[in-house]
Every structure is written in C-alpha cells, then in structure tokens.
C-alpha cells in the first residue's frame, strides 16, 4: 500500500494548488477509525494529529504540513489538538 506523504510546502506551491479555495474540515480532540476511498490532500491550518495506518508506522503532522493520504488507506486518527484543515479529494 502507498504511504502517507507529509511535506512543508512553499507559499508558491500552496498558491499553485489553490489550497485557499479548498473546503475546510474541523475535528475536536478524539480518536476514530477511517478509510480513504479516494486520495486526499490536506493542508493543516490548526492542530496536531497522529495517524496509525493498519499496515504501517504511525505518521504525525501539524500546522503548516501538506499531507497526502493514498486511496484505500485504512487507519486510526488520533487528534491530539483540535484540527482544522483544507482538503481536496480525488
């Protein structure tokens, strides 16, 4: 299975992706299972999260990270600080 990719994007990269026009999603401190049916790219505006893939090592991300989740990923989210993110599916 593909891996979660975490990167620190430049302002130019964010602008070229059109991140500011993406919808936002928020989640309180919590833990929950999730499966990505399609690829998702997320830009973290607030919060701190660790995602535990069903078949791999945990991946952590925080404010300013651009995170790509592969289609088909099954995981458990551990939201450690309230999360707010821009996201794009597909």
N, C-alpha and C. Protein backbone atom coordinates (compact mmCIF):
# COMPACT_ATOMS: atom_id res chain seq x y z
N UNK A 1 0.85 -1.20 0.00
CA UNK A 1 0.00 0.00 0.00
C UNK A 1 0.88 1.24 0.00
N UNK A 2 0.40 2.28 -0.63
CA UNK A 2 1.14 3.54 -0.66
C UNK A 2 1.23 4.14 0.73
N UNK A 3 2.16 5.04 0.88
CA UNK A 3 2.41 5.66 2.18
C UNK A 3 1.80 7.05 2.25
N UNK A 4 1.61 7.51 3.49
CA UNK A 4 1.20 8.88 3.75
C UNK A 4 2.43 9.76 3.52
N UNK A 5 2.25 10.85 2.78
CA UNK A 5 3.36 11.77 2.48
C UNK A 5 3.10 13.09 3.23
N UNK A 6 4.08 13.51 4.01
CA UNK A 6 3.99 14.78 4.74
C UNK A 6 5.11 15.68 4.26
N UNK A 7 4.75 16.91 3.83
CA UNK A 7 5.77 17.86 3.37
C UNK A 7 5.45 19.25 3.88
N UNK A 8 6.48 20.09 3.90
CA UNK A 8 6.34 21.51 4.27
C UNK A 8 6.32 22.30 2.96
N UNK A 9 5.14 22.69 2.49
CA UNK A 9 5.06 23.35 1.19
C UNK A 9 5.50 24.80 1.24
N UNK A 10 5.93 25.29 0.09
CA UNK A 10 6.25 26.72 -0.04
C UNK A 10 4.95 27.47 -0.32
N UNK A 11 4.99 28.77 -0.14
CA UNK A 11 3.82 29.61 -0.45
C UNK A 11 3.46 29.47 -1.93
N UNK A 12 4.46 29.37 -2.78
CA UNK A 12 4.21 29.21 -4.21
C UNK A 12 3.50 27.88 -4.51
N UNK A 13 3.92 26.83 -3.84
CA UNK A 13 3.30 25.52 -4.04
C UNK A 13 1.83 25.56 -3.59
N UNK A 14 1.56 26.18 -2.44
CA UNK A 14 0.18 26.29 -1.96
C UNK A 14 -0.68 27.09 -2.94
N UNK A 15 -0.12 28.18 -3.46
CA UNK A 15 -0.85 29.01 -4.41
C UNK A 15 -1.14 28.23 -5.70
N UNK A 16 -0.16 27.48 -6.19
CA UNK A 16 -0.36 26.75 -7.44
C UNK A 16 -1.39 25.63 -7.28
N UNK A 17 -1.51 25.07 -6.07
CA UNK A 17 -2.52 24.05 -5.80
C UNK A 17 -3.90 24.65 -5.57
N UNK A 18 -3.95 25.95 -5.27
CA UNK A 18 -5.23 26.60 -4.98
C UNK A 18 -5.80 26.24 -3.63
N UNK A 19 -4.93 25.96 -2.67
CA UNK A 19 -5.33 25.47 -1.35
C UNK A 19 -6.36 26.36 -0.67
N UNK A 20 -6.22 27.68 -0.79
CA UNK A 20 -7.15 28.58 -0.10
C UNK A 20 -8.59 28.43 -0.57
N UNK A 21 -8.80 27.87 -1.76
CA UNK A 21 -10.16 27.68 -2.27
C UNK A 21 -10.74 26.31 -1.90
N UNK A 22 -9.93 25.44 -1.31
CA UNK A 22 -10.41 24.11 -0.92
C UNK A 22 -11.36 24.25 0.28
N UNK A 23 -12.31 23.31 0.43
CA UNK A 23 -13.16 23.33 1.63
C UNK A 23 -12.35 23.06 2.89
N UNK A 24 -12.93 23.38 4.04
CA UNK A 24 -12.26 23.10 5.32
C UNK A 24 -13.06 22.07 6.10
N UNK A 25 -12.37 21.42 7.02
CA UNK A 25 -12.97 20.41 7.89
C UNK A 25 -12.32 20.54 9.25
N UNK A 26 -13.11 20.41 10.31
CA UNK A 26 -12.60 20.52 11.68
C UNK A 26 -12.99 19.30 12.49
N UNK A 27 -12.18 18.99 13.49
CA UNK A 27 -12.47 17.86 14.37
C UNK A 27 -11.88 18.15 15.74
N UNK A 28 -12.67 17.86 16.78
CA UNK A 28 -12.20 18.04 18.15
C UNK A 28 -11.20 16.93 18.51
N UNK A 29 -10.57 17.07 19.66
CA UNK A 29 -9.67 16.03 20.17
C UNK A 29 -10.48 14.73 20.26
N UNK A 30 -9.97 13.69 19.61
CA UNK A 30 -10.71 12.43 19.53
C UNK A 30 -9.83 11.35 18.91
N UNK A 31 -10.40 10.16 18.83
CA UNK A 31 -9.75 9.02 18.18
C UNK A 31 -10.84 8.30 17.40
N UNK A 32 -10.57 7.97 16.12
CA UNK A 32 -11.60 7.31 15.31
C UNK A 32 -10.95 6.58 14.13
N UNK A 33 -11.58 5.49 13.68
CA UNK A 33 -11.09 4.78 12.51
C UNK A 33 -11.54 5.49 11.24
N UNK A 34 -10.74 5.37 10.16
CA UNK A 34 -11.09 5.99 8.89
C UNK A 34 -10.52 5.19 7.75
N UNK A 35 -11.24 5.17 6.63
CA UNK A 35 -10.73 4.56 5.40
C UNK A 35 -10.89 5.58 4.27
N UNK A 36 -9.81 5.83 3.55
CA UNK A 36 -9.82 6.77 2.44
C UNK A 36 -10.23 6.02 1.17
N UNK A 37 -11.40 6.33 0.63
CA UNK A 37 -11.85 5.66 -0.60
C UNK A 37 -11.18 6.27 -1.83
N UNK A 38 -10.79 7.55 -1.73
CA UNK A 38 -10.04 8.21 -2.79
C UNK A 38 -8.83 8.91 -2.16
N UNK A 39 -7.89 9.32 -2.99
CA UNK A 39 -6.76 10.09 -2.46
C UNK A 39 -7.26 11.40 -1.88
N UNK A 40 -6.66 11.82 -0.78
CA UNK A 40 -6.95 13.13 -0.20
C UNK A 40 -5.65 13.88 0.03
N UNK A 41 -5.67 15.17 -0.29
CA UNK A 41 -4.56 16.05 0.06
C UNK A 41 -5.11 17.05 1.07
N UNK A 42 -4.41 17.23 2.17
CA UNK A 42 -4.86 18.14 3.23
C UNK A 42 -3.75 19.11 3.60
N UNK A 43 -4.14 20.36 3.85
CA UNK A 43 -3.22 21.36 4.35
C UNK A 43 -3.68 21.71 5.76
N UNK A 44 -2.81 21.51 6.74
CA UNK A 44 -3.18 21.64 8.14
C UNK A 44 -3.09 23.10 8.59
N UNK A 45 -4.24 23.64 9.00
CA UNK A 45 -4.33 25.03 9.46
C UNK A 45 -4.15 25.14 10.97
N UNK A 46 -4.68 24.15 11.70
CA UNK A 46 -4.59 24.12 13.17
C UNK A 46 -4.55 22.66 13.60
N UNK A 47 -3.91 22.42 14.75
CA UNK A 47 -4.00 21.11 15.36
C UNK A 47 -2.74 20.27 15.26
N UNK A 48 -2.89 19.08 15.82
CA UNK A 48 -1.81 18.09 15.84
C UNK A 48 -2.46 16.71 15.80
N UNK A 49 -2.00 15.87 14.87
CA UNK A 49 -2.62 14.57 14.64
C UNK A 49 -1.55 13.51 14.44
N UNK A 50 -1.83 12.30 14.91
CA UNK A 50 -1.05 11.12 14.55
C UNK A 50 -2.03 10.14 13.91
N UNK A 51 -1.67 9.63 12.73
CA UNK A 51 -2.48 8.64 12.03
C UNK A 51 -1.73 7.31 12.08
N UNK A 52 -2.44 6.27 12.53
CA UNK A 52 -1.86 4.93 12.60
C UNK A 52 -2.43 4.08 11.47
N UNK A 53 -1.65 3.87 10.38
CA UNK A 53 -2.13 3.00 9.30
C UNK A 53 -2.29 1.57 9.81
N UNK A 54 -3.22 0.84 9.22
CA UNK A 54 -3.45 -0.55 9.61
C UNK A 54 -2.22 -1.41 9.34
N UNK A 55 -1.41 -1.01 8.34
CA UNK A 55 -0.27 -1.84 7.93
C UNK A 55 1.06 -1.09 7.92
N UNK A 56 1.24 -0.17 8.87
CA UNK A 56 2.49 0.58 8.85
C UNK A 56 2.76 1.35 10.12
N UNK A 57 3.77 2.19 10.05
CA UNK A 57 4.19 3.00 11.19
C UNK A 57 3.30 4.24 11.31
N UNK A 58 3.13 4.76 12.55
CA UNK A 58 2.35 5.98 12.73
C UNK A 58 3.01 7.17 12.05
N UNK A 59 2.17 8.10 11.58
CA UNK A 59 2.62 9.31 10.91
C UNK A 59 1.99 10.50 11.62
N UNK A 60 2.81 11.48 12.02
CA UNK A 60 2.32 12.66 12.71
C UNK A 60 2.45 13.89 11.82
N UNK A 61 1.51 14.83 12.00
CA UNK A 61 1.57 16.08 11.26
C UNK A 61 0.91 17.18 12.08
N UNK A 62 1.24 18.43 11.72
CA UNK A 62 0.80 19.59 12.48
C UNK A 62 0.65 20.80 11.56
N UNK A 63 0.47 21.96 12.14
CA UNK A 63 0.24 23.20 11.41
C UNK A 63 1.32 23.42 10.33
N UNK A 64 0.85 23.74 9.11
CA UNK A 64 1.77 24.04 8.02
C UNK A 64 2.15 22.85 7.17
N UNK A 65 1.71 21.65 7.56
CA UNK A 65 2.04 20.46 6.78
C UNK A 65 1.03 20.24 5.66
N UNK A 66 1.52 19.75 4.53
CA UNK A 66 0.70 19.31 3.41
C UNK A 66 0.79 17.79 3.42
N UNK A 67 -0.35 17.13 3.58
CA UNK A 67 -0.37 15.68 3.79
C UNK A 67 -1.17 15.02 2.68
N UNK A 68 -0.58 14.00 2.06
CA UNK A 68 -1.27 13.24 1.02
C UNK A 68 -1.57 11.84 1.56
N UNK A 69 -2.86 11.50 1.56
CA UNK A 69 -3.33 10.18 2.00
C UNK A 69 -3.71 9.37 0.76
N UNK A 70 -3.15 8.17 0.59
CA UNK A 70 -3.46 7.38 -0.60
C UNK A 70 -4.85 6.75 -0.54
N UNK A 71 -5.46 6.56 -1.70
CA UNK A 71 -6.73 5.85 -1.79
C UNK A 71 -6.55 4.44 -1.23
N UNK A 72 -7.55 3.98 -0.48
CA UNK A 72 -7.52 2.64 0.07
C UNK A 72 -6.89 2.54 1.45
N UNK A 73 -6.35 3.64 1.97
CA UNK A 73 -5.69 3.63 3.28
C UNK A 73 -6.71 3.42 4.39
N UNK A 74 -6.50 2.40 5.22
CA UNK A 74 -7.29 2.20 6.44
C UNK A 74 -6.40 2.58 7.61
N UNK A 75 -6.95 3.36 8.54
CA UNK A 75 -6.12 3.89 9.62
C UNK A 75 -6.98 4.29 10.82
N UNK A 76 -6.31 4.67 11.89
CA UNK A 76 -6.97 5.26 13.05
C UNK A 76 -6.36 6.63 13.27
N UNK A 77 -7.22 7.64 13.36
CA UNK A 77 -6.80 9.02 13.63
C UNK A 77 -6.76 9.25 15.12
N UNK A 78 -5.68 9.88 15.59
CA UNK A 78 -5.55 10.33 16.98
C UNK A 78 -5.38 11.85 16.92
N UNK A 79 -6.48 12.58 17.11
CA UNK A 79 -6.45 14.05 17.06
C UNK A 79 -6.05 14.52 18.46
N UNK A 80 -4.81 15.03 18.57
CA UNK A 80 -4.24 15.40 19.87
C UNK A 80 -4.55 16.84 20.25
N UNK A 81 -4.65 17.72 19.24
CA UNK A 81 -5.06 19.12 19.42
C UNK A 81 -6.11 19.39 18.36
N UNK A 82 -7.16 20.17 18.66
CA UNK A 82 -8.25 20.38 17.71
C UNK A 82 -7.74 20.71 16.31
N UNK A 83 -8.32 20.02 15.34
CA UNK A 83 -7.84 20.05 13.95
C UNK A 83 -8.73 20.93 13.08
N UNK A 84 -8.09 21.70 12.21
CA UNK A 84 -8.78 22.39 11.11
C UNK A 84 -7.88 22.29 9.90
N UNK A 85 -8.45 21.84 8.79
CA UNK A 85 -7.64 21.62 7.58
C UNK A 85 -8.41 22.02 6.34
N UNK A 86 -7.67 22.42 5.30
CA UNK A 86 -8.20 22.48 3.95
C UNK A 86 -7.99 21.08 3.37
N UNK A 87 -8.89 20.66 2.49
CA UNK A 87 -8.71 19.33 1.89
C UNK A 87 -9.23 19.30 0.45
N UNK A 88 -8.66 18.38 -0.31
CA UNK A 88 -9.09 18.15 -1.69
C UNK A 88 -9.13 16.65 -1.92
N UNK A 89 -10.24 16.15 -2.45
CA UNK A 89 -10.39 14.73 -2.73
C UNK A 89 -10.12 14.45 -4.20
N UNK A 90 -9.60 13.26 -4.43
CA UNK A 90 -9.55 12.86 -5.80
C UNK A 90 -8.31 12.49 -6.42
